[in-house]
């Protein structure tokens, strides 16, 4: 979301949304959102959380994309297009 503030659909605007990300970073003790994200990713790696492994990546990718309910995404502050959803799942599965 941080990298796509131009797609903000929250009525309060992208500056407001960015201020929320900054507040979260500061709460975690960081001076930048990017440092907080790096910390979070490092923490997940240290917990040795495994990513899911797809046996048939393309078929599973299509199934996941088709299973997304767009109505459930309306509360997300960043517009999630079909392309963005596909990218998210590709990053997880590959």
PDB file of N, CA and C in Angstrom:
ATOM      1  N   UNK A   1       0.814  -1.191   0.000  1.00  0.00           N
ATOM      2  CA  UNK A   1       0.000   0.000   0.000  1.00  0.00           C
ATOM      3  C   UNK A   1       0.860   1.257   0.000  1.00  0.00           C
ATOM      4  N   UNK A   2       1.959   1.214   0.728  1.00  0.00           N
ATOM      5  CA  UNK A   2       2.832   2.380   0.826  1.00  0.00           C
ATOM      6  C   UNK A   2       3.332   2.812  -0.551  1.00  0.00           C
ATOM      7  N   UNK A   3       3.577   1.860  -1.415  1.00  0.00           N
ATOM      8  CA  UNK A   3       4.122   2.171  -2.736  1.00  0.00           C
ATOM      9  C   UNK A   3       3.067   2.541  -3.762  1.00  0.00           C
ATOM     10  N   UNK A   4       1.805   2.552  -3.358  1.00  0.00           N
ATOM     11  CA  UNK A   4       0.731   2.841  -4.307  1.00  0.00           C
ATOM     12  C   UNK A   4      -0.271   3.850  -3.742  1.00  0.00           C
ATOM     13  N   UNK A   5       0.230   4.853  -3.051  1.00  0.00           N
ATOM     14  CA  UNK A   5      -0.648   5.869  -2.472  1.00  0.00           C
ATOM     15  C   UNK A   5      -1.420   6.640  -3.535  1.00  0.00           C
ATOM     16  N   UNK A   6      -0.920   6.643  -4.768  1.00  0.00           N
ATOM     17  CA  UNK A   6      -1.638   7.329  -5.847  1.00  0.00           C
ATOM     18  C   UNK A   6      -2.969   6.639  -6.168  1.00  0.00           C
ATOM     19  N   UNK A   7      -3.131   5.415  -5.693  1.00  0.00           N
ATOM     20  CA  UNK A   7      -4.384   4.671  -5.903  1.00  0.00           C
ATOM     21  C   UNK A   7      -5.292   4.705  -4.676  1.00  0.00           C
ATOM     22  N   UNK A   8      -5.041   5.650  -3.795  1.00  0.00           N
ATOM     23  CA  UNK A   8      -5.831   5.757  -2.568  1.00  0.00           C
ATOM     24  C   UNK A   8      -7.295   6.056  -2.893  1.00  0.00           C
ATOM     25  N   UNK A   9      -8.192   5.289  -2.283  1.00  0.00           N
ATOM     26  CA  UNK A   9      -9.625   5.524  -2.466  1.00  0.00           C
ATOM     27  C   UNK A   9     -10.287   5.924  -1.146  1.00  0.00           C
ATOM     28  N   UNK A  10      -9.506   6.053  -0.097  1.00  0.00           N
ATOM     29  CA  UNK A  10     -10.029   6.495   1.188  1.00  0.00           C
ATOM     30  C   UNK A  10     -10.447   7.955   1.056  1.00  0.00           C
ATOM     31  N   UNK A  11     -11.615   8.292   1.525  1.00  0.00           N
ATOM     32  CA  UNK A  11     -12.128   9.660   1.370  1.00  0.00           C
ATOM     33  C   UNK A  11     -11.256  10.702   2.067  1.00  0.00           C
ATOM     34  N   UNK A  12     -10.421  10.281   3.015  1.00  0.00           N
ATOM     35  CA  UNK A  12      -9.549  11.224   3.717  1.00  0.00           C
ATOM     36  C   UNK A  12      -8.285  11.539   2.925  1.00  0.00           C
ATOM     37  N   UNK A  13      -8.009  10.774   1.891  1.00  0.00           N
ATOM     38  CA  UNK A  13      -6.908  11.073   0.986  1.00  0.00           C
ATOM     39  C   UNK A  13      -5.607  10.356   1.286  1.00  0.00           C
ATOM     40  N   UNK A  14      -4.703  10.451   0.316  1.00  0.00           N
ATOM     41  CA  UNK A  14      -3.429   9.736   0.411  1.00  0.00           C
ATOM     42  C   UNK A  14      -2.512  10.326   1.484  1.00  0.00           C
ATOM     43  N   UNK A  15      -2.592  11.632   1.726  1.00  0.00           N
ATOM     44  CA  UNK A  15      -1.761  12.224   2.787  1.00  0.00           C
ATOM     45  C   UNK A  15      -2.159  11.672   4.146  1.00  0.00           C
ATOM     46  N   UNK A  16      -3.464  11.522   4.358  1.00  0.00           N
ATOM     47  CA  UNK A  16      -3.939  10.943   5.608  1.00  0.00           C
ATOM     48  C   UNK A  16      -3.444   9.500   5.744  1.00  0.00           C
ATOM     49  N   UNK A  17      -3.603   8.726   4.674  1.00  0.00           N
ATOM     50  CA  UNK A  17      -3.178   7.330   4.716  1.00  0.00           C
ATOM     51  C   UNK A  17      -1.684   7.230   4.986  1.00  0.00           C
ATOM     52  N   UNK A  18      -0.901   8.070   4.340  1.00  0.00           N
ATOM     53  CA  UNK A  18       0.539   8.071   4.590  1.00  0.00           C
ATOM     54  C   UNK A  18       0.840   8.430   6.043  1.00  0.00           C
ATOM     55  N   UNK A  19       0.073   9.348   6.612  1.00  0.00           N
ATOM     56  CA  UNK A  19       0.307   9.720   8.017  1.00  0.00           C
ATOM     57  C   UNK A  19       0.037   8.535   8.946  1.00  0.00           C
ATOM     58  N   UNK A  20      -0.887   7.668   8.568  1.00  0.00           N
ATOM     59  CA  UNK A  20      -1.154   6.457   9.360  1.00  0.00           C
ATOM     60  C   UNK A  20       0.059   5.527   9.304  1.00  0.00           C
ATOM     61  N   UNK A  21       0.633   5.355   8.103  1.00  0.00           N
ATOM     62  CA  UNK A  21       1.821   4.503   7.964  1.00  0.00           C
ATOM     63  C   UNK A  21       2.984   5.076   8.771  1.00  0.00           C
ATOM     64  N   UNK A  22       3.137   6.392   8.757  1.00  0.00           N
ATOM     65  CA  UNK A  22       4.202   7.045   9.535  1.00  0.00           C
ATOM     66  C   UNK A  22       3.966   6.817  11.028  1.00  0.00           C
ATOM     67  N   UNK A  23       2.723   6.945  11.465  1.00  0.00           N
ATOM     68  CA  UNK A  23       2.407   6.739  12.889  1.00  0.00           C
ATOM     69  C   UNK A  23       2.699   5.302  13.314  1.00  0.00           C
ATOM     70  N   UNK A  24       2.389   4.345  12.456  1.00  0.00           N
ATOM     71  CA  UNK A  24       2.690   2.934  12.770  1.00  0.00           C
ATOM     72  C   UNK A  24       4.200   2.749  12.884  1.00  0.00           C
ATOM     73  N   UNK A  25       4.948   3.315  11.932  1.00  0.00           N
ATOM     74  CA  UNK A  25       6.409   3.204  11.967  1.00  0.00           C
ATOM     75  C   UNK A  25       6.963   3.817  13.252  1.00  0.00           C
ATOM     76  N   UNK A  26       6.475   4.994  13.612  1.00  0.00           N
ATOM     77  CA  UNK A  26       6.948   5.655  14.832  1.00  0.00           C
ATOM     78  C   UNK A  26       6.603   4.854  16.075  1.00  0.00           C
ATOM     79  N   UNK A  27       5.430   4.243  16.087  1.00  0.00           N
ATOM     80  CA  UNK A  27       5.025   3.410  17.214  1.00  0.00           C
ATOM     81  C   UNK A  27       5.974   2.220  17.376  1.00  0.00           C
ATOM     82  N   UNK A  28       6.462   1.714  16.249  1.00  0.00           N
ATOM     83  CA  UNK A  28       7.426   0.608  16.284  1.00  0.00           C
ATOM     84  C   UNK A  28       8.841   1.088  16.588  1.00  0.00           C
ATOM     85  N   UNK A  29       9.025   2.416  16.679  1.00  0.00           N
ATOM     86  CA  UNK A  29      10.328   2.978  17.023  1.00  0.00           C
ATOM     87  C   UNK A  29      11.192   3.332  15.830  1.00  0.00           C
ATOM     88  N   UNK A  30      10.593   3.512  14.665  1.00  0.00           N
ATOM     89  CA  UNK A  30      11.356   3.822  13.466  1.00  0.00           C
ATOM     90  C   UNK A  30      11.037   5.228  12.967  1.00  0.00           C
ATOM     91  N   UNK A  31      12.009   5.804  12.255  1.00  0.00           N
ATOM     92  CA  UNK A  31      11.829   7.153  11.724  1.00  0.00           C
ATOM     93  C   UNK A  31      11.290   7.147  10.301  1.00  0.00           C
ATOM     94  N   UNK A  32      11.230   5.956   9.676  1.00  0.00           N
ATOM     95  CA  UNK A  32      10.685   5.881   8.320  1.00  0.00           C
ATOM     96  C   UNK A  32       9.819   4.638   8.172  1.00  0.00           C
ATOM     97  N   UNK A  33       8.873   4.752   7.285  1.00  0.00           N
ATOM     98  CA  UNK A  33       7.978   3.630   6.989  1.00  0.00           C
ATOM     99  C   UNK A  33       8.786   2.476   6.400  1.00  0.00           C
ATOM    100  N   UNK A  34       9.739   2.791   5.526  1.00  0.00           N
ATOM    101  CA  UNK A  34      10.551   1.754   4.884  1.00  0.00           C
ATOM    102  C   UNK A  34      11.332   0.941   5.920  1.00  0.00           C
ATOM    103  N   UNK A  35      11.881   1.614   6.937  1.00  0.00           N
ATOM    104  CA  UNK A  35      12.606   0.895   7.990  1.00  0.00           C
ATOM    105  C   UNK A  35      11.676  -0.014   8.787  1.00  0.00           C
ATOM    106  N   UNK A  36      10.456   0.435   9.020  1.00  0.00           N
ATOM    107  CA  UNK A  36       9.480  -0.401   9.732  1.00  0.00           C
ATOM    108  C   UNK A  36       9.123  -1.624   8.911  1.00  0.00           C
ATOM    109  N   UNK A  37       8.974  -1.455   7.608  1.00  0.00           N
ATOM    110  CA  UNK A  37       8.665  -2.589   6.732  1.00  0.00           C
ATOM    111  C   UNK A  37       9.821  -3.583   6.740  1.00  0.00           C
ATOM    112  N   UNK A  38      11.045  -3.079   6.646  1.00  0.00           N
ATOM    113  CA  UNK A  38      12.225  -3.954   6.694  1.00  0.00           C
ATOM    114  C   UNK A  38      12.268  -4.717   8.011  1.00  0.00           C
ATOM    115  N   UNK A  39      11.999  -4.039   9.110  1.00  0.00           N
ATOM    116  CA  UNK A  39      11.965  -4.687  10.419  1.00  0.00           C
ATOM    117  C   UNK A  39      10.928  -5.809  10.442  1.00  0.00           C
ATOM    118  N   UNK A  40       9.742  -5.529   9.939  1.00  0.00           N
ATOM    119  CA  UNK A  40       8.666  -6.519   9.942  1.00  0.00           C
ATOM    120  C   UNK A  40       9.060  -7.740   9.112  1.00  0.00           C
ATOM    121  N   UNK A  41       9.623  -7.506   7.941  1.00  0.00           N
ATOM    122  CA  UNK A  41      10.050  -8.629   7.085  1.00  0.00           C
ATOM    123  C   UNK A  41      11.163  -9.433   7.756  1.00  0.00           C
ATOM    124  N   UNK A  42      12.092  -8.750   8.408  1.00  0.00           N
ATOM    125  CA  UNK A  42      13.174  -9.428   9.119  1.00  0.00           C
ATOM    126  C   UNK A  42      12.613 -10.264  10.260  1.00  0.00           C
ATOM    127  N   UNK A  43      11.655  -9.702  10.970  1.00  0.00           N
ATOM    128  CA  UNK A  43      11.027 -10.424  12.073  1.00  0.00           C
ATOM    129  C   UNK A  43      10.364 -11.711  11.567  1.00  0.00           C
ATOM    130  N   UNK A  44       9.653 -11.631  10.459  1.00  0.00           N
ATOM    131  CA  UNK A  44       9.023 -12.830   9.887  1.00  0.00           C
ATOM    132  C   UNK A  44      10.076 -13.861   9.493  1.00  0.00           C
ATOM    133  N   UNK A  45      11.175 -13.402   8.907  1.00  0.00           N
ATOM    134  CA  UNK A  45      12.249 -14.317   8.507  1.00  0.00           C
ATOM    135  C   UNK A  45      12.875 -14.983   9.726  1.00  0.00           C
ATOM    136  N   UNK A  46      13.073 -14.218  10.792  1.00  0.00           N
ATOM    137  CA  UNK A  46      13.653 -14.779  12.009  1.00  0.00           C
ATOM    138  C   UNK A  46      12.730 -15.803  12.666  1.00  0.00           C
ATOM    139  N   UNK A  47      11.432 -15.646  12.450  1.00  0.00           N
ATOM    140  CA  UNK A  47      10.477 -16.621  12.993  1.00  0.00           C
ATOM    141  C   UNK A  47      10.384 -17.851  12.090  1.00  0.00           C
ATOM    142  N   UNK A  48      11.161 -17.820  10.994  1.00  0.00           N
ATOM    143  CA  UNK A  48      11.228 -18.921  10.034  1.00  0.00           C
ATOM    144  C   UNK A  48       9.857 -19.313   9.499  1.00  0.00           C
ATOM    145  N   UNK A  49       9.064 -18.298   9.233  1.00  0.00           N
ATOM    146  CA  UNK A  49       7.753 -18.546   8.647  1.00  0.00           C
ATOM    147  C   UNK A  49       7.948 -18.931   7.189  1.00  0.00           C
ATOM    148  N   UNK A  50       7.391 -20.037   6.803  1.00  0.00           N
ATOM    149  CA  UNK A  50       7.542 -20.552   5.444  1.00  0.00           C
ATOM    150  C   UNK A  50       6.454 -19.987   4.546  1.00  0.00           C
ATOM    151  N   UNK A  51       6.844 -19.717   3.311  1.00  0.00           N
ATOM    152  CA  UNK A  51       5.875 -19.307   2.312  1.00  0.00           C
ATOM    153  C   UNK A  51       5.196 -20.556   1.762  1.00  0.00           C
ATOM    154  N   UNK A  52       3.942 -20.419   1.357  1.00  0.00           N
ATOM    155  CA  UNK A  52       3.275 -21.583   0.771  1.00  0.00           C
ATOM    156  C   UNK A  52       3.959 -21.983  -0.544  1.00  0.00           C
ATOM    157  N   UNK A  53       3.963 -23.275  -0.815  1.00  0.00           N
ATOM    158  CA  UNK A  53       4.556 -23.787  -2.039  1.00  0.00           C
ATOM    159  C   UNK A  53       3.434 -24.337  -2.906  1.00  0.00           C
ATOM    160  N   UNK A  54       3.378 -23.887  -4.130  1.00  0.00           N
ATOM    161  CA  UNK A  54       2.332 -24.325  -5.051  1.00  0.00           C
ATOM    162  C   UNK A  54       2.844 -25.502  -5.875  1.00  0.00           C
ATOM    163  N   UNK A  55       2.035 -26.534  -5.985  1.00  0.00           N
ATOM    164  CA  UNK A  55       2.428 -27.680  -6.805  1.00  0.00           C
ATOM    165  C   UNK A  55       2.190 -27.384  -8.287  1.00  0.00           C
ATOM    166  N   UNK A  56       1.118 -26.673  -8.595  1.00  0.00           N
ATOM    167  CA  UNK A  56       0.816 -26.242  -9.965  1.00  0.00           C
ATOM    168  C   UNK A  56       0.551 -24.749  -9.891  1.00  0.00           C
ATOM    169  N   UNK A  57       1.619 -23.977  -9.934  1.00  0.00           N
ATOM    170  CA  UNK A  57       1.563 -22.542  -9.656  1.00  0.00           C
ATOM    171  C   UNK A  57       0.539 -21.810 -10.516  1.00  0.00           C
ATOM    172  N   UNK A  58       0.540 -22.037 -11.815  1.00  0.00           N
ATOM    173  CA  UNK A  58      -0.372 -21.300 -12.691  1.00  0.00           C
ATOM    174  C   UNK A  58      -1.828 -21.606 -12.382  1.00  0.00           C
ATOM    175  N   UNK A  59      -2.147 -22.877 -12.180  1.00  0.00           N
ATOM    176  CA  UNK A  59      -3.535 -23.264 -11.883  1.00  0.00           C
ATOM    177  C   UNK A  59      -3.971 -22.703 -10.534  1.00  0.00           C
ATOM    178  N   UNK A  60      -3.095 -22.781  -9.541  1.00  0.00           N
ATOM    179  CA  UNK A  60      -3.430 -22.261  -8.219  1.00  0.00           C
ATOM    180  C   UNK A  60      -3.541 -20.745  -8.233  1.00  0.00           C
ATOM    181  N   UNK A  61      -2.705 -20.106  -9.023  1.00  0.00           N
ATOM    182  CA  UNK A  61      -2.762 -18.658  -9.156  1.00  0.00           C
ATOM    183  C   UNK A  61      -4.108 -18.232  -9.729  1.00  0.00           C
ATOM    184  N   UNK A  62      -4.541 -18.876 -10.776  1.00  0.00           N
ATOM    185  CA  UNK A  62      -5.838 -18.554 -11.383  1.00  0.00           C
ATOM    186  C   UNK A  62      -6.984 -18.802 -10.404  1.00  0.00           C
ATOM    187  N   UNK A  63      -6.917 -19.895  -9.654  1.00  0.00           N
ATOM    188  CA  UNK A  63      -7.955 -20.207  -8.668  1.00  0.00           C
ATOM    189  C   UNK A  63      -8.013 -19.129  -7.582  1.00  0.00           C
ATOM    190  N   UNK A  64      -6.864 -18.722  -7.101  1.00  0.00           N
ATOM    191  CA  UNK A  64      -6.818 -17.683  -6.070  1.00  0.00           C
ATOM    192  C   UNK A  64      -7.377 -16.361  -6.585  1.00  0.00           C
ATOM    193  N   UNK A  65      -6.989 -15.981  -7.789  1.00  0.00           N
ATOM    194  CA  UNK A  65      -7.457 -14.712  -8.360  1.00  0.00           C
ATOM    195  C   UNK A  65      -8.969 -14.733  -8.531  1.00  0.00           C
ATOM    196  N   UNK A  66      -9.499 -15.824  -9.025  1.00  0.00           N
ATOM    197  CA  UNK A  66     -10.943 -15.940  -9.252  1.00  0.00           C
ATOM    198  C   UNK A  66     -11.729 -15.995  -7.943  1.00  0.00           C
ATOM    199  N   UNK A  67     -11.071 -16.382  -6.852  1.00  0.00           N
ATOM    200  CA  UNK A  67     -11.777 -16.518  -5.574  1.00  0.00           C
ATOM    201  C   UNK A  67     -11.898 -15.200  -4.811  1.00  0.00           C
ATOM    202  N   UNK A  68     -11.256 -14.144  -5.283  1.00  0.00           N
ATOM    203  CA  UNK A  68     -11.300 -12.847  -4.601  1.00  0.00           C
ATOM    204  C   UNK A  68     -12.688 -12.236  -4.765  1.00  0.00           C
ATOM    205  N   UNK A  69     -13.255 -11.820  -3.653  1.00  0.00           N
ATOM    206  CA  UNK A  69     -14.554 -11.155  -3.658  1.00  0.00           C
ATOM    207  C   UNK A  69     -14.321  -9.643  -3.619  1.00  0.00           C
ATOM    208  N   UNK A  70     -14.563  -8.951  -4.740  1.00  0.00           N
ATOM    209  CA  UNK A  70     -14.278  -7.510  -4.792  1.00  0.00           C
ATOM    210  C   UNK A  70     -15.041  -6.695  -3.752  1.00  0.00           C
ATOM    211  N   UNK A  71     -16.214  -7.152  -3.336  1.00  0.00           N
ATOM    212  CA  UNK A  71     -16.972  -6.421  -2.321  1.00  0.00           C
ATOM    213  C   UNK A  71     -16.241  -6.403  -0.993  1.00  0.00           C
ATOM    214  N   UNK A  72     -15.503  -7.448  -0.709  1.00  0.00           N
ATOM    215  CA  UNK A  72     -14.753  -7.513   0.551  1.00  0.00           C
ATOM    216  C   UNK A  72     -13.527  -6.606   0.541  1.00  0.00           C
ATOM    217  N   UNK A  73     -13.132  -6.142  -0.629  1.00  0.00           N
ATOM    218  CA  UNK A  73     -11.954  -5.277  -0.738  1.00  0.00           C
ATOM    219  C   UNK A  73     -12.293  -3.799  -0.637  1.00  0.00           C
ATOM    220  N   UNK A  74     -13.562  -3.472  -0.549  1.00  0.00           N
ATOM    221  CA  UNK A  74     -13.968  -2.056  -0.534  1.00  0.00           C
ATOM    222  C   UNK A  74     -13.457  -1.305   0.688  1.00  0.00           C
ATOM    223  N   UNK A  75     -13.143  -2.022   1.777  1.00  0.00           N
ATOM    224  CA  UNK A  75     -12.642  -1.336   2.962  1.00  0.00           C
ATOM    225  C   UNK A  75     -11.129  -1.139   2.921  1.00  0.00           C
ATOM    226  N   UNK A  76     -10.467  -1.645   1.877  1.00  0.00           N
ATOM    227  CA  UNK A  76      -9.030  -1.433   1.729  1.00  0.00           C
ATOM    228  C   UNK A  76      -8.807  -0.002   1.222  1.00  0.00           C
ATOM    229  N   UNK A  77      -7.892   0.740   1.815  1.00  0.00           N
ATOM    230  CA  UNK A  77      -7.730   2.145   1.412  1.00  0.00           C
ATOM    231  C   UNK A  77      -7.066   2.341   0.052  1.00  0.00           C
ATOM    232  N   UNK A  78      -6.479   1.289  -0.504  1.00  0.00           N
ATOM    233  CA  UNK A  78      -5.836   1.356  -1.816  1.00  0.00           C
ATOM    234  C   UNK A  78      -6.628   0.487  -2.786  1.00  0.00           C
ATOM    235  N   UNK A  79      -6.931   1.034  -3.964  1.00  0.00           N
ATOM    236  CA  UNK A  79      -7.671   0.280  -4.975  1.00  0.00           C
ATOM    237  C   UNK A  79      -6.852  -0.935  -5.398  1.00  0.00           C
ATOM    238  N   UNK A  80      -7.467  -2.092  -5.306  1.00  0.00           N
ATOM    239  CA  UNK A  80      -6.810  -3.326  -5.712  1.00  0.00           C
ATOM    240  C   UNK A  80      -7.436  -3.809  -7.018  1.00  0.00           C
ATOM    241  N   UNK A  81      -6.744  -3.553  -8.103  1.00  0.00           N
ATOM    242  CA  UNK A  81      -7.223  -3.988  -9.411  1.00  0.00           C
ATOM    243  C   UNK A  81      -6.920  -5.475  -9.583  1.00  0.00           C
ATOM    244  N   UNK A  82      -7.486  -6.073 -10.620  1.00  0.00           N
ATOM    245  CA  UNK A  82      -7.192  -7.479 -10.912  1.00  0.00           C
ATOM    246  C   UNK A  82      -5.697  -7.686 -11.105  1.00  0.00           C
ATOM    247  N   UNK A  83      -5.055  -6.725 -11.763  1.00  0.00           N
ATOM    248  CA  UNK A  83      -3.615  -6.823 -12.004  1.00  0.00           C
ATOM    249  C   UNK A  83      -2.829  -6.816 -10.686  1.00  0.00           C
ATOM    250  N   UNK A  84      -3.190  -5.923  -9.770  1.00  0.00           N
ATOM    251  CA  UNK A  84      -2.493  -5.829  -8.484  1.00  0.00           C
ATOM    252  C   UNK A  84      -2.723  -7.095  -7.658  1.00  0.00           C
ATOM    253  N   UNK A  85      -3.931  -7.605  -7.679  1.00  0.00           N
ATOM    254  CA  UNK A  85      -4.233  -8.846  -6.954  1.00  0.00           C
ATOM    255  C   UNK A  85      -3.379  -9.983  -7.498  1.00  0.00           C
ATOM    256  N   UNK A  86      -3.283 -10.062  -8.818  1.00  0.00           N
ATOM    257  CA  UNK A  86      -2.463 -11.105  -9.439  1.00  0.00           C
ATOM    258  C   UNK A  86      -1.004 -10.956  -9.015  1.00  0.00           C
ATOM    259  N   UNK A  87      -0.490  -9.730  -9.007  1.00  0.00           N
ATOM    260  CA  UNK A  87       0.892  -9.486  -8.588  1.00  0.00           C
ATOM    261  C   UNK A  87       1.118  -9.937  -7.148  1.00  0.00           C
ATOM    262  N   UNK A  88       0.175  -9.632  -6.278  1.00  0.00           N
ATOM    263  CA  UNK A  88       0.299 -10.023  -4.868  1.00  0.00           C
ATOM    264  C   UNK A  88       0.413 -11.535  -4.739  1.00  0.00           C
ATOM    265  N   UNK A  89      -0.493 -12.249  -5.401  1.00  0.00           N
ATOM    266  CA  UNK A  89      -0.459 -13.712  -5.335  1.00  0.00           C
ATOM    267  C   UNK A  89       0.793 -14.272  -5.993  1.00  0.00           C
ATOM    268  N   UNK A  90       1.236 -13.682  -7.077  1.00  0.00           N
ATOM    269  CA  UNK A  90       2.463 -14.162  -7.724  1.00  0.00           C
ATOM    270  C   UNK A  90       3.654 -14.005  -6.778  1.00  0.00           C
ATOM    271  N   UNK A  91       3.709 -12.891  -6.070  1.00  0.00           N
ATOM    272  CA  UNK A  91       4.803 -12.678  -5.120  1.00  0.00           C
ATOM    273  C   UNK A  91       4.787 -13.690  -3.994  1.00  0.00           C
ATOM    274  N   UNK A  92       3.616 -14.153  -3.630  1.00  0.00           N
ATOM    275  CA  UNK A  92       3.502 -15.137  -2.552  1.00  0.00           C
ATOM    276  C   UNK A  92       3.876 -16.536  -3.054  1.00  0.00           C
ATOM    277  N   UNK A  93       3.383 -16.888  -4.230  1.00  0.00           N
ATOM    278  CA  UNK A  93       3.555 -18.256  -4.729  1.00  0.00           C
ATOM    279  C   UNK A  93       4.878 -18.529  -5.431  1.00  0.00           C
ATOM    280  N   UNK A  94       5.530 -17.493  -5.906  1.00  0.00           N
ATOM    281  CA  UNK A  94       6.763 -17.727  -6.689  1.00  0.00           C
ATOM    282  C   UNK A  94       7.982 -17.325  -5.926  1.00  0.00           C
TER     283      UNK A  94
END
